[in-house]
Amino acid sequence: MTLDPRLATVVEAARSKKAFRIRLLDVTGLASFTDAFAFMSGGSDRQNRAIADAVEEALKLQGERPLSTEGSGNGNWILLDYGSLVIHVMDEDTRRHYNVEGLWSAGRELPVPAETPVLPESR
């Protein structure tokens, strides 16, 4: 199954800033306000902001801007709302505590593409 190009962009941008535990859920028909969620973690508030900035910039290059953003001041949970896609960037403690993913467990898990290893340059 091929991942929607927008979700692939989100995953690639998040990985460029070393996001981990990336998870994608299709909630079409389950949520009235969005079709998909992207969840990811960073190791600190600074890393979370870098991940969110990278995702926002990558989507901006595709002509998309968020309807709203929340949490970038604190950085432990940043939410980017693109209407049909809502992106959560959280530290692990916040992610475990609120368990937003668990609220949407009836959603369909979307495959996250495997990371492409970077090959060393040949000399």
PDB file of N, CA and C in Angstrom:
ATOM      1  N   MET A   1       0.839  -1.178   0.000  1.00  0.00           N
ATOM      2  CA  MET A   1       0.000   0.000   0.000  1.00  0.00           C
ATOM      3  C   MET A   1       0.886   1.244   0.000  1.00  0.00           C
ATOM      4  N   THR A   2       0.578   2.180  -0.874  1.00  0.00           N
ATOM      5  CA  THR A   2       1.341   3.419  -0.968  1.00  0.00           C
ATOM      6  C   THR A   2       0.737   4.446  -0.032  1.00  0.00           C
ATOM      7  N   LEU A   3       1.598   5.113   0.706  1.00  0.00           N
ATOM      8  CA  LEU A   3       1.157   6.125   1.652  1.00  0.00           C
ATOM      9  C   LEU A   3       0.816   7.410   0.909  1.00  0.00           C
ATOM     10  N   ASP A   4      -0.240   8.074   1.340  1.00  0.00           N
ATOM     11  CA  ASP A   4      -0.628   9.370   0.800  1.00  0.00           C
ATOM     12  C   ASP A   4       0.605  10.281   0.782  1.00  0.00           C
ATOM     13  N   PRO A   5       0.858  11.009  -0.309  1.00  0.00           N
ATOM     14  CA  PRO A   5       2.058  11.846  -0.416  1.00  0.00           C
ATOM     15  C   PRO A   5       2.212  12.856   0.723  1.00  0.00           C
ATOM     16  N   ARG A   6       1.108  13.399   1.183  1.00  0.00           N
ATOM     17  CA  ARG A   6       1.191  14.367   2.277  1.00  0.00           C
ATOM     18  C   ARG A   6       1.687  13.694   3.555  1.00  0.00           C
ATOM     19  N   LEU A   7       1.185  12.494   3.848  1.00  0.00           N
ATOM     20  CA  LEU A   7       1.643  11.774   5.031  1.00  0.00           C
ATOM     21  C   LEU A   7       3.104  11.354   4.878  1.00  0.00           C
ATOM     22  N   ALA A   8       3.492  10.972   3.672  1.00  0.00           N
ATOM     23  CA  ALA A   8       4.891  10.624   3.425  1.00  0.00           C
ATOM     24  C   ALA A   8       5.793  11.828   3.674  1.00  0.00           C
ATOM     25  N   THR A   9       5.343  13.013   3.282  1.00  0.00           N
ATOM     26  CA  THR A   9       6.099  14.246   3.536  1.00  0.00           C
ATOM     27  C   THR A   9       6.257  14.486   5.027  1.00  0.00           C
ATOM     28  N   VAL A  10       5.176  14.283   5.773  1.00  0.00           N
ATOM     29  CA  VAL A  10       5.218  14.468   7.227  1.00  0.00           C
ATOM     30  C   VAL A  10       6.237  13.517   7.849  1.00  0.00           C
ATOM     31  N   VAL A  11       6.186  12.260   7.461  1.00  0.00           N
ATOM     32  CA  VAL A  11       7.111  11.261   8.015  1.00  0.00           C
ATOM     33  C   VAL A  11       8.551  11.622   7.677  1.00  0.00           C
ATOM     34  N   GLU A  12       8.803  11.968   6.431  1.00  0.00           N
ATOM     35  CA  GLU A  12      10.162  12.317   6.000  1.00  0.00           C
ATOM     36  C   GLU A  12      10.685  13.547   6.752  1.00  0.00           C
ATOM     37  N   ALA A  13       9.864  14.562   6.873  1.00  0.00           N
ATOM     38  CA  ALA A  13      10.281  15.782   7.581  1.00  0.00           C
ATOM     39  C   ALA A  13      10.544  15.489   9.056  1.00  0.00           C
ATOM     40  N   ALA A  14       9.674  14.705   9.678  1.00  0.00           N
ATOM     41  CA  ALA A  14       9.855  14.358  11.087  1.00  0.00           C
ATOM     42  C   ALA A  14      11.142  13.559  11.300  1.00  0.00           C
ATOM     43  N   ARG A  15      11.381  12.611  10.414  1.00  0.00           N
ATOM     44  CA  ARG A  15      12.609  11.814  10.526  1.00  0.00           C
ATOM     45  C   ARG A  15      13.860  12.655  10.315  1.00  0.00           C
ATOM     46  N   SER A  16      13.749  13.723   9.531  1.00  0.00           N
ATOM     47  CA  SER A  16      14.920  14.574   9.301  1.00  0.00           C
ATOM     48  C   SER A  16      15.387  15.237  10.589  1.00  0.00           C
ATOM     49  N   LYS A  17      14.495  15.298  11.586  1.00  0.00           N
ATOM     50  CA  LYS A  17      14.833  15.864  12.897  1.00  0.00           C
ATOM     51  C   LYS A  17      14.852  14.782  13.977  1.00  0.00           C
ATOM     52  N   LYS A  18      14.990  13.536  13.533  1.00  0.00           N
ATOM     53  CA  LYS A  18      15.151  12.380  14.432  1.00  0.00           C
ATOM     54  C   LYS A  18      13.927  12.077  15.291  1.00  0.00           C
ATOM     55  N   ALA A  19      12.730  12.347  14.778  1.00  0.00           N
ATOM     56  CA  ALA A  19      11.514  11.956  15.487  1.00  0.00           C
ATOM     57  C   ALA A  19      11.477  10.436  15.583  1.00  0.00           C
ATOM     58  N   PHE A  20      10.866   9.939  16.636  1.00  0.00           N
ATOM     59  CA  PHE A  20      10.755   8.500  16.808  1.00  0.00           C
ATOM     60  C   PHE A  20       9.322   8.124  17.189  1.00  0.00           C
ATOM     61  N   ARG A  21       9.054   6.826  17.127  1.00  0.00           N
ATOM     62  CA  ARG A  21       7.708   6.278  17.377  1.00  0.00           C
ATOM     63  C   ARG A  21       6.647   7.000  16.554  1.00  0.00           C
ATOM     64  N   ILE A  22       6.923   7.118  15.257  1.00  0.00           N
ATOM     65  CA  ILE A  22       5.961   7.758  14.350  1.00  0.00           C
ATOM     66  C   ILE A  22       4.819   6.778  14.099  1.00  0.00           C
ATOM     67  N   ARG A  23       3.619   7.287  14.238  1.00  0.00           N
ATOM     68  CA  ARG A  23       2.435   6.447  14.054  1.00  0.00           C
ATOM     69  C   ARG A  23       1.380   7.250  13.294  1.00  0.00           C
ATOM     70  N   LEU A  24       0.727   6.611  12.334  1.00  0.00           N
ATOM     71  CA  LEU A  24      -0.295   7.249  11.510  1.00  0.00           C
ATOM     72  C   LEU A  24      -1.608   6.490  11.658  1.00  0.00           C
ATOM     73  N   LEU A  25      -2.688   7.240  11.886  1.00  0.00           N
ATOM     74  CA  LEU A  25      -4.009   6.627  12.027  1.00  0.00           C
ATOM     75  C   LEU A  25      -5.003   7.287  11.081  1.00  0.00           C
ATOM     76  N   ASP A  26      -5.734   6.465  10.351  1.00  0.00           N
ATOM     77  CA  ASP A  26      -6.827   6.936   9.508  1.00  0.00           C
ATOM     78  C   ASP A  26      -8.098   6.858  10.343  1.00  0.00           C
ATOM     79  N   VAL A  27      -8.724   7.997  10.585  1.00  0.00           N
ATOM     80  CA  VAL A  27      -9.945   8.047  11.396  1.00  0.00           C
ATOM     81  C   VAL A  27     -11.133   8.548  10.573  1.00  0.00           C
ATOM     82  N   THR A  28     -11.042   8.364   9.254  1.00  0.00           N
ATOM     83  CA  THR A  28     -12.139   8.754   8.373  1.00  0.00           C
ATOM     84  C   THR A  28     -13.417   8.060   8.824  1.00  0.00           C
ATOM     85  N   GLY A  29     -14.474   8.829   9.014  1.00  0.00           N
ATOM     86  CA  GLY A  29     -15.742   8.271   9.457  1.00  0.00           C
ATOM     87  C   GLY A  29     -15.866   8.127  10.961  1.00  0.00           C
ATOM     88  N   LEU A  30     -14.751   8.221  11.674  1.00  0.00           N
ATOM     89  CA  LEU A  30     -14.780   8.129  13.140  1.00  0.00           C
ATOM     90  C   LEU A  30     -14.750   9.503  13.800  1.00  0.00           C
ATOM     91  N   ALA A  31     -14.038  10.428  13.191  1.00  0.00           N
ATOM     92  CA  ALA A  31     -13.915  11.787  13.721  1.00  0.00           C
ATOM     93  C   ALA A  31     -14.585  12.747  12.744  1.00  0.00           C
ATOM     94  N   SER A  32     -15.295  13.710  13.276  1.00  0.00           N
ATOM     95  CA  SER A  32     -15.975  14.666  12.411  1.00  0.00           C
ATOM     96  C   SER A  32     -15.072  15.818  11.995  1.00  0.00           C
ATOM     97  N   PHE A  33     -13.910  15.954  12.636  1.00  0.00           N
ATOM     98  CA  PHE A  33     -13.052  17.124  12.417  1.00  0.00           C
ATOM     99  C   PHE A  33     -11.770  16.825  11.649  1.00  0.00           C
ATOM    100  N   THR A  34     -11.457  15.565  11.405  1.00  0.00           N
ATOM    101  CA  THR A  34     -10.244  15.224  10.665  1.00  0.00           C
ATOM    102  C   THR A  34     -10.366  13.835  10.065  1.00  0.00           C
ATOM    103  N   ASP A  35      -9.472  13.534   9.131  1.00  0.00           N
ATOM    104  CA  ASP A  35      -9.436  12.205   8.525  1.00  0.00           C
ATOM    105  C   ASP A  35      -8.257  11.375   9.009  1.00  0.00           C
ATOM    106  N   ALA A  36      -7.207  12.040   9.489  1.00  0.00           N
ATOM    107  CA  ALA A  36      -6.005  11.304   9.883  1.00  0.00           C
ATOM    108  C   ALA A  36      -5.267  12.021  10.997  1.00  0.00           C
ATOM    109  N   PHE A  37      -4.585  11.216  11.800  1.00  0.00           N
ATOM    110  CA  PHE A  37      -3.693  11.716  12.834  1.00  0.00           C
ATOM    111  C   PHE A  37      -2.287  11.220  12.551  1.00  0.00           C
ATOM    112  N   ALA A  38      -1.310  12.056  12.843  1.00  0.00           N
ATOM    113  CA  ALA A  38       0.091  11.639  12.846  1.00  0.00           C
ATOM    114  C   ALA A  38       0.609  11.914  14.250  1.00  0.00           C
ATOM    115  N   PHE A  39       1.194  10.899  14.870  1.00  0.00           N
ATOM    116  CA  PHE A  39       1.778  11.017  16.200  1.00  0.00           C
ATOM    117  C   PHE A  39       3.269  10.760  16.087  1.00  0.00           C
ATOM    118  N   MET A  40       4.052  11.528  16.819  1.00  0.00           N
ATOM    119  CA  MET A  40       5.497  11.309  16.830  1.00  0.00           C
ATOM    120  C   MET A  40       6.075  11.873  18.109  1.00  0.00           C
ATOM    121  N   SER A  41       7.254  11.406  18.456  1.00  0.00           N
ATOM    122  CA  SER A  41       7.901  11.855  19.686  1.00  0.00           C
ATOM    123  C   SER A  41       9.265  12.431  19.405  1.00  0.00           C
ATOM    124  N   GLY A  42       9.634  13.344  20.299  1.00  0.00           N
ATOM    125  CA  GLY A  42      10.980  13.890  20.325  1.00  0.00           C
ATOM    126  C   GLY A  42      11.514  13.738  21.744  1.00  0.00           C
ATOM    127  N   GLY A  43      12.802  13.902  21.905  1.00  0.00           N
ATOM    128  CA  GLY A  43      13.429  13.682  23.201  1.00  0.00           C
ATOM    129  C   GLY A  43      13.446  14.896  24.111  1.00  0.00           C
ATOM    130  N   SER A  44      13.049  16.062  23.614  1.00  0.00           N
ATOM    131  CA  SER A  44      13.056  17.281  24.429  1.00  0.00           C
ATOM    132  C   SER A  44      12.119  18.301  23.797  1.00  0.00           C
ATOM    133  N   ASP A  45      11.814  19.353  24.548  1.00  0.00           N
ATOM    134  CA  ASP A  45      10.961  20.398  23.998  1.00  0.00           C
ATOM    135  C   ASP A  45      11.614  21.055  22.789  1.00  0.00           C
ATOM    136  N   ARG A  46      12.916  21.222  22.831  1.00  0.00           N
ATOM    137  CA  ARG A  46      13.647  21.818  21.699  1.00  0.00           C
ATOM    138  C   ARG A  46      13.549  20.923  20.460  1.00  0.00           C
ATOM    139  N   GLN A  47      13.719  19.617  20.643  1.00  0.00           N
ATOM    140  CA  GLN A  47      13.611  18.702  19.507  1.00  0.00           C
ATOM    141  C   GLN A  47      12.178  18.688  18.977  1.00  0.00           C
ATOM    142  N   ASN A  48      11.194  18.710  19.875  1.00  0.00           N
ATOM    143  CA  ASN A  48       9.797  18.739  19.426  1.00  0.00           C
ATOM    144  C   ASN A  48       9.526  19.961  18.556  1.00  0.00           C
ATOM    145  N   ARG A  49      10.049  21.118  18.965  1.00  0.00           N
ATOM    146  CA  ARG A  49       9.859  22.327  18.152  1.00  0.00           C
ATOM    147  C   ARG A  49      10.549  22.183  16.793  1.00  0.00           C
ATOM    148  N   ALA A  50      11.731  21.583  16.783  1.00  0.00           N
ATOM    149  CA  ALA A  50      12.441  21.379  15.510  1.00  0.00           C
ATOM    150  C   ALA A  50      11.659  20.437  14.598  1.00  0.00           C
ATOM    151  N   ILE A  51      11.090  19.385  15.164  1.00  0.00           N
ATOM    152  CA  ILE A  51      10.280  18.444  14.378  1.00  0.00           C
ATOM    153  C   ILE A  51       9.061  19.163  13.808  1.00  0.00           C
ATOM    154  N   ALA A  52       8.341  19.879  14.654  1.00  0.00           N
ATOM    155  CA  ALA A  52       7.142  20.596  14.205  1.00  0.00           C
ATOM    156  C   ALA A  52       7.494  21.627  13.133  1.00  0.00           C
ATOM    157  N   ASP A  53       8.586  22.347  13.327  1.00  0.00           N
ATOM    158  CA  ASP A  53       9.015  23.342  12.327  1.00  0.00           C
ATOM    159  C   ASP A  53       9.340  22.670  10.992  1.00  0.00           C
ATOM    160  N   ALA A  54      10.031  21.522  11.040  1.00  0.00           N
ATOM    161  CA  ALA A  54      10.394  20.812   9.807  1.00  0.00           C
ATOM    162  C   ALA A  54       9.150  20.322   9.068  1.00  0.00           C
ATOM    163  N   VAL A  55       8.190  19.793   9.812  1.00  0.00           N
ATOM    164  CA  VAL A  55       6.938  19.319   9.202  1.00  0.00           C
ATOM    165  C   VAL A  55       6.183  20.491   8.585  1.00  0.00           C
ATOM    166  N   GLU A  56       6.087  21.571   9.345  1.00  0.00           N
ATOM    167  CA  GLU A  56       5.364  22.746   8.848  1.00  0.00           C
ATOM    168  C   GLU A  56       6.026  23.303   7.582  1.00  0.00           C
ATOM    169  N   GLU A  57       7.342  23.370   7.574  1.00  0.00           N
ATOM    170  CA  GLU A  57       8.074  23.892   6.411  1.00  0.00           C
ATOM    171  C   GLU A  57       7.895  22.980   5.194  1.00  0.00           C
ATOM    172  N   ALA A  58       7.976  21.668   5.411  1.00  0.00           N
ATOM    173  CA  ALA A  58       7.822  20.719   4.302  1.00  0.00           C
ATOM    174  C   ALA A  58       6.426  20.813   3.685  1.00  0.00           C
ATOM    175  N   LEU A  59       5.402  20.931   4.523  1.00  0.00           N
ATOM    176  CA  LEU A  59       4.046  21.056   3.998  1.00  0.00           C
ATOM    177  C   LEU A  59       3.822  22.420   3.350  1.00  0.00           C
ATOM    178  N   LYS A  60       4.483  23.447   3.874  1.00  0.00           N
ATOM    179  CA  LYS A  60       4.392  24.784   3.278  1.00  0.00           C
ATOM    180  C   LYS A  60       4.941  24.765   1.846  1.00  0.00           C
ATOM    181  N   LEU A  61       6.008  24.004   1.624  1.00  0.00           N
ATOM    182  CA  LEU A  61       6.581  23.880   0.285  1.00  0.00           C
ATOM    183  C   LEU A  61       5.608  23.211  -0.685  1.00  0.00           C
ATOM    184  N   GLN A  62       4.642  22.486  -0.145  1.00  0.00           N
ATOM    185  CA  GLN A  62       3.608  21.860  -0.972  1.00  0.00           C
ATOM    186  C   GLN A  62       2.347  22.719  -1.045  1.00  0.00           C
ATOM    187  N   GLY A  63       2.449  23.934  -0.508  1.00  0.00           N
ATOM    188  CA  GLY A  63       1.329  24.859  -0.583  1.00  0.00           C
ATOM    189  C   GLY A  63       0.323  24.743   0.547  1.00  0.00           C
ATOM    190  N   GLU A  64       0.674  24.016   1.597  1.00  0.00           N
ATOM    191  CA  GLU A  64      -0.256  23.848   2.711  1.00  0.00           C
ATOM    192  C   GLU A  64       0.219  24.612   3.939  1.00  0.00           C
ATOM    193  N   ARG A  65      -0.728  25.235   4.599  1.00  0.00           N
ATOM    194  CA  ARG A  65      -0.446  25.953   5.844  1.00  0.00           C
ATOM    195  C   ARG A  65      -1.412  25.438   6.905  1.00  0.00           C
ATOM    196  N   PRO A  66      -0.962  25.374   8.150  1.00  0.00           N
ATOM    197  CA  PRO A  66      -1.865  24.874   9.189  1.00  0.00           C
ATOM    198  C   PRO A  66      -3.003  25.851   9.461  1.00  0.00           C
ATOM    199  N   LEU A  67      -4.155  25.310   9.806  1.00  0.00           N
ATOM    200  CA  LEU A  67      -5.277  26.134  10.235  1.00  0.00           C
ATOM    201  C   LEU A  67      -4.968  26.732  11.596  1.00  0.00           C
ATOM    202  N   SER A  68      -4.270  25.964  12.431  1.00  0.00           N
ATOM    203  CA  SER A  68      -3.840  26.457  13.735  1.00  0.00           C
ATOM    204  C   SER A  68      -2.687  25.612  14.253  1.00  0.00           C
ATOM    205  N   THR A  69      -1.941  26.193  15.166  1.00  0.00           N
ATOM    206  CA  THR A  69      -0.871  25.472  15.869  1.00  0.00           C
ATOM    207  C   THR A  69      -1.020  25.786  17.352  1.00  0.00           C
ATOM    208  N   GLU A  70      -0.692  24.806  18.172  1.00  0.00           N
ATOM    209  CA  GLU A  70      -0.783  24.969  19.626  1.00  0.00           C
ATOM    210  C   GLU A  70       0.446  24.332  20.266  1.00  0.00           C
ATOM    211  N   GLY A  71       0.892  24.909  21.369  1.00  0.00           N
ATOM    212  CA  GLY A  71       1.906  24.275  22.197  1.00  0.00           C
ATOM    213  C   GLY A  71       3.350  24.535  21.863  1.00  0.00           C
ATOM    214  N   SER A  72       3.644  25.356  20.861  1.00  0.00           N
ATOM    215  CA  SER A  72       5.049  25.546  20.493  1.00  0.00           C
ATOM    216  C   SER A  72       5.822  26.324  21.551  1.00  0.00           C
ATOM    217  N   GLY A  73       5.134  27.100  22.380  1.00  0.00           N
ATOM    218  CA  GLY A  73       5.812  27.834  23.452  1.00  0.00           C
ATOM    219  C   GLY A  73       6.402  26.903  24.492  1.00  0.00           C
ATOM    220  N   ASN A  74       5.604  25.946  24.944  1.00  0.00           N
ATOM    221  CA  ASN A  74       6.045  24.975  25.940  1.00  0.00           C
ATOM    222  C   ASN A  74       6.887  23.887  25.289  1.00  0.00           C
ATOM    223  N   GLY A  75       6.398  23.345  24.195  1.00  0.00           N
ATOM    224  CA  GLY A  75       7.159  22.366  23.422  1.00  0.00           C
ATOM    225  C   GLY A  75       6.983  20.920  23.815  1.00  0.00           C
ATOM    226  N   ASN A  76       6.305  20.627  24.929  1.00  0.00           N
ATOM    227  CA  ASN A  76       6.175  19.211  25.280  1.00  0.00           C
ATOM    228  C   ASN A  76       5.053  18.526  24.494  1.00  0.00           C
ATOM    229  N   TRP A  77       4.116  19.322  23.938  1.00  0.00           N
ATOM    230  CA  TRP A  77       3.069  18.778  23.070  1.00  0.00           C
ATOM    231  C   TRP A  77       2.715  19.867  22.071  1.00  0.00           C
ATOM    232  N   ILE A  78       3.087  19.650  20.829  1.00  0.00           N
ATOM    233  CA  ILE A  78       2.798  20.611  19.771  1.00  0.00           C
ATOM    234  C   ILE A  78       1.779  19.975  18.837  1.00  0.00           C
ATOM    235  N   LEU A  79       0.732  20.722  18.545  1.00  0.00           N
ATOM    236  CA  LEU A  79      -0.329  20.243  17.677  1.00  0.00           C
ATOM    237  C   LEU A  79      -0.370  21.134  16.441  1.00  0.00           C
ATOM    238  N   LEU A  80      -0.333  20.511  15.277  1.00  0.00           N
ATOM    239  CA  LEU A  80      -0.463  21.208  13.996  1.00  0.00           C
ATOM    240  C   LEU A  80      -1.757  20.715  13.350  1.00  0.00           C
ATOM    241  N   ASP A  81      -2.697  21.614  13.140  1.00  0.00           N
ATOM    242  CA  ASP A  81      -4.002  21.254  12.592  1.00  0.00           C
ATOM    243  C   ASP A  81      -4.078  21.688  11.137  1.00  0.00           C
ATOM    244  N   TYR A  82      -4.140  20.706  10.248  1.00  0.00           N
ATOM    245  CA  TYR A  82      -4.265  20.957   8.815  1.00  0.00           C
ATOM    246  C   TYR A  82      -5.661  20.582   8.312  1.00  0.00           C
ATOM    247  N   GLY A  83      -6.634  20.563   9.204  1.00  0.00           N
ATOM    248  CA  GLY A  83      -7.994  20.200   8.810  1.00  0.00           C
ATOM    249  C   GLY A  83      -8.139  18.697   8.701  1.00  0.00           C
ATOM    250  N   SER A  84      -7.899  18.159   7.537  1.00  0.00           N
ATOM    251  CA  SER A  84      -8.056  16.716   7.341  1.00  0.00           C
ATOM    252  C   SER A  84      -6.880  15.909   7.902  1.00  0.00           C
ATOM    253  N   LEU A  85      -5.876  16.598   8.445  1.00  0.00           N
ATOM    254  CA  LEU A  85      -4.725  15.942   9.081  1.00  0.00           C
ATOM    255  C   LEU A  85      -4.353  16.730  10.332  1.00  0.00           C
ATOM    256  N   VAL A  86      -4.276  16.036  11.455  1.00  0.00           N
ATOM    257  CA  VAL A  86      -3.860  16.642  12.713  1.00  0.00           C
ATOM    258  C   VAL A  86      -2.584  15.944  13.166  1.00  0.00           C
ATOM    259  N   ILE A  87      -1.553  16.744  13.421  1.00  0.00           N
ATOM    260  CA  ILE A  87      -0.232  16.209  13.762  1.00  0.00           C
ATOM    261  C   ILE A  87       0.071  16.541  15.216  1.00  0.00           C
ATOM    262  N   HIS A  88       0.469  15.508  15.967  1.00  0.00           N
ATOM    263  CA  HIS A  88       0.854  15.655  17.367  1.00  0.00           C
ATOM    264  C   HIS A  88       2.343  15.333  17.504  1.00  0.00           C
ATOM    265  N   VAL A  89       3.102  16.273  18.046  1.00  0.00           N
ATOM    266  CA  VAL A  89       4.514  16.064  18.343  1.00  0.00           C
ATOM    267  C   VAL A  89       4.645  16.176  19.857  1.00  0.00           C
ATOM    268  N   MET A  90       5.023  15.075  20.522  1.00  0.00           N
ATOM    269  CA  MET A  90       5.002  15.043  21.987  1.00  0.00           C
ATOM    270  C   MET A  90       6.269  14.430  22.559  1.00  0.00           C
ATOM    271  N   ASP A  91       6.583  14.836  23.790  1.00  0.00           N
ATOM    272  CA  ASP A  91       7.612  14.093  24.501  1.00  0.00           C
ATOM    273  C   ASP A  91       6.952  12.811  25.022  1.00  0.00           C
ATOM    274  N   GLU A  92       7.754  11.842  25.374  1.00  0.00           N
ATOM    275  CA  GLU A  92       7.216  10.529  25.745  1.00  0.00           C
ATOM    276  C   GLU A  92       6.342  10.570  26.993  1.00  0.00           C
ATOM    277  N   ASP A  93       6.709  11.357  28.001  1.00  0.00           N
ATOM    278  CA  ASP A  93       5.889  11.429  29.219  1.00  0.00           C
ATOM    279  C   ASP A  93       4.496  11.958  28.905  1.00  0.00           C
ATOM    280  N   THR A  94       4.425  13.012  28.124  1.00  0.00           N
ATOM    281  CA  THR A  94       3.136  13.595  27.748  1.00  0.00           C
ATOM    282  C   THR A  94       2.342  12.614  26.899  1.00  0.00           C
ATOM    283  N   ARG A  95       3.007  11.963  25.990  1.00  0.00           N
ATOM    284  CA  ARG A  95       2.338  11.009  25.105  1.00  0.00           C
ATOM    285  C   ARG A  95       1.734   9.856  25.901  1.00  0.00           C
ATOM    286  N   ARG A  96       2.492   9.331  26.860  1.00  0.00           N
ATOM    287  CA  ARG A  96       1.986   8.248  27.705  1.00  0.00           C
ATOM    288  C   ARG A  96       0.838   8.731  28.596  1.00  0.00           C
ATOM    289  N   HIS A  97       1.013   9.899  29.191  1.00  0.00           N
ATOM    290  CA  HIS A  97       0.025  10.413  30.140  1.00  0.00           C
ATOM    291  C   HIS A  97      -1.341  10.641  29.485  1.00  0.00           C
ATOM    292  N   TYR A  98      -1.369  11.309  28.355  1.00  0.00           N
ATOM    293  CA  TYR A  98      -2.644  11.640  27.715  1.00  0.00           C
ATOM    294  C   TYR A  98      -3.181  10.543  26.805  1.00  0.00           C
ATOM    295  N   ASN A  99      -2.311   9.693  26.285  1.00  0.00           N
ATOM    296  CA  ASN A  99      -2.701   8.552  25.456  1.00  0.00           C
ATOM    297  C   ASN A  99      -3.775   8.900  24.426  1.00  0.00           C
ATOM    298  N   VAL A 100      -3.541   9.968  23.682  1.00  0.00           N
ATOM    299  CA  VAL A 100      -4.495  10.394  22.651  1.00  0.00           C
ATOM    300  C   VAL A 100      -4.672   9.283  21.611  1.00  0.00           C
ATOM    301  N   GLU A 101      -3.608   8.568  21.324  1.00  0.00           N
ATOM    302  CA  GLU A 101      -3.702   7.464  20.357  1.00  0.00           C
ATOM    303  C   GLU A 101      -4.722   6.425  20.798  1.00  0.00           C
ATOM    304  N   GLY A 102      -4.768   6.174  22.100  1.00  0.00           N
ATOM    305  CA  GLY A 102      -5.718   5.203  22.633  1.00  0.00           C
ATOM    306  C   GLY A 102      -7.162   5.624  22.437  1.00  0.00           C
ATOM    307  N   LEU A 103      -7.408   6.933  22.458  1.00  0.00           N
ATOM    308  CA  LEU A 103      -8.763   7.431  22.228  1.00  0.00           C
ATOM    309  C   LEU A 103      -9.256   7.115  20.820  1.00  0.00           C
ATOM    310  N   TRP A 104      -8.314   6.975  19.898  1.00  0.00           N
ATOM    311  CA  TRP A 104      -8.658   6.742  18.494  1.00  0.00           C
ATOM    312  C   TRP A 104      -8.229   5.352  18.039  1.00  0.00           C
ATOM    313  N   SER A 105      -8.192   4.402  18.949  1.00  0.00           N
ATOM    314  CA  SER A 105      -7.715   3.054  18.620  1.00  0.00           C
ATOM    315  C   SER A 105      -8.604   2.335  17.611  1.00  0.00           C
ATOM    316  N   ALA A 106      -9.820   2.819  17.417  1.00  0.00           N
ATOM    317  CA  ALA A 106     -10.695   2.220  16.405  1.00  0.00           C
ATOM    318  C   ALA A 106     -10.282   2.638  14.998  1.00  0.00           C
ATOM    319  N   GLY A 107      -9.379   3.599  14.904  1.00  0.00           N
ATOM    320  CA  GLY A 107      -8.881   4.033  13.602  1.00  0.00           C
ATOM    321  C   GLY A 107      -8.022   2.962  12.952  1.00  0.00           C
ATOM    322  N   ARG A 108      -7.831   3.113  11.657  1.00  0.00           N
ATOM    323  CA  ARG A 108      -7.016   2.150  10.899  1.00  0.00           C
ATOM    324  C   ARG A 108      -5.564   2.612  10.901  1.00  0.00           C
ATOM    325  N   GLU A 109      -4.697   1.732  11.372  1.00  0.00           N
ATOM    326  CA  GLU A 109      -3.265   2.025  11.398  1.00  0.00           C
ATOM    327  C   GLU A 109      -2.742   2.063   9.956  1.00  0.00           C
ATOM    328  N   LEU A 110      -2.054   3.133   9.622  1.00  0.00           N
ATOM    329  CA  LEU A 110      -1.455   3.257   8.288  1.00  0.00           C
ATOM    330  C   LEU A 110       0.011   2.878   8.369  1.00  0.00           C
ATOM    331  N   PRO A 111       0.515   2.218   7.338  1.00  0.00           N
ATOM    332  CA  PRO A 111       1.918   1.803   7.380  1.00  0.00           C
ATOM    333  C   PRO A 111       2.860   3.001   7.283  1.00  0.00           C
ATOM    334  N   VAL A 112       3.841   3.017   8.144  1.00  0.00           N
ATOM    335  CA  VAL A 112       4.883   4.040   8.094  1.00  0.00           C
ATOM    336  C   VAL A 112       6.014   3.455   7.264  1.00  0.00           C
ATOM    337  N   PRO A 113       6.442   4.146   6.203  1.00  0.00           N
ATOM    338  CA  PRO A 113       7.505   3.597   5.357  1.00  0.00           C
ATOM    339  C   PRO A 113       8.775   3.357   6.163  1.00  0.00           C
ATOM    340  N   ALA A 114       9.462   2.301   5.806  1.00  0.00           N
ATOM    341  CA  ALA A 114      10.739   2.002   6.456  1.00  0.00           C
ATOM    342  C   ALA A 114      11.733   3.108   6.139  1.00  0.00           C
ATOM    343  N   GLU A 115      12.623   3.349   7.074  1.00  0.00           N
ATOM    344  CA  GLU A 115      13.649   4.366   6.838  1.00  0.00           C
ATOM    345  C   GLU A 115      14.603   3.877   5.764  1.00  0.00           C
ATOM    346  N   THR A 116      14.988   4.772   4.907  1.00  0.00           N
ATOM    347  CA  THR A 116      15.967   4.456   3.879  1.00  0.00           C
ATOM    348  C   THR A 116      17.345   4.716   4.458  1.00  0.00           C
ATOM    349  N   PRO A 117      18.178   3.682   4.533  1.00  0.00           N
ATOM    350  CA  PRO A 117      19.501   3.909   5.108  1.00  0.00           C
ATOM    351  C   PRO A 117      20.329   4.837   4.224  1.00  0.00           C
ATOM    352  N   VAL A 118      21.099   5.684   4.886  1.00  0.00           N
ATOM    353  CA  VAL A 118      21.993   6.578   4.156  1.00  0.00           C
ATOM    354  C   VAL A 118      23.280   5.833   3.903  1.00  0.00           C
ATOM    355  N   LEU A 119      23.615   5.700   2.644  1.00  0.00           N
ATOM    356  CA  LEU A 119      24.842   4.984   2.281  1.00  0.00           C
ATOM    357  C   LEU A 119      26.034   5.933   2.307  1.00  0.00           C
ATOM    358  N   PRO A 120      27.160   5.452   2.808  1.00  0.00           N
ATOM    359  CA  PRO A 120      28.345   6.320   2.815  1.00  0.00           C
ATOM    360  C   PRO A 120      28.767   6.634   1.385  1.00  0.00           C
ATOM    361  N   GLU A 121      29.303   7.830   1.222  1.00  0.00           N
ATOM    362  CA  GLU A 121      29.782   8.214  -0.107  1.00  0.00           C
ATOM    363  C   GLU A 121      30.996   7.372  -0.480  1.00  0.00           C
ATOM    364  N   SER A 122      31.039   6.974  -1.738  1.00  0.00           N
ATOM    365  CA  SER A 122      32.223   6.227  -2.201  1.00  0.00           C
ATOM    366  C   SER A 122      33.300   7.229  -2.610  1.00  0.00           C
ATOM    367  N   ARG A 123      34.486   6.864  -2.383  1.00  0.00           N
ATOM    368  CA  ARG A 123      35.605   7.774  -2.680  1.00  0.00           C
ATOM    369  C   ARG A 123      36.280   7.404  -3.940  1.00  0.00           C
TER     370      ARG A 123
END
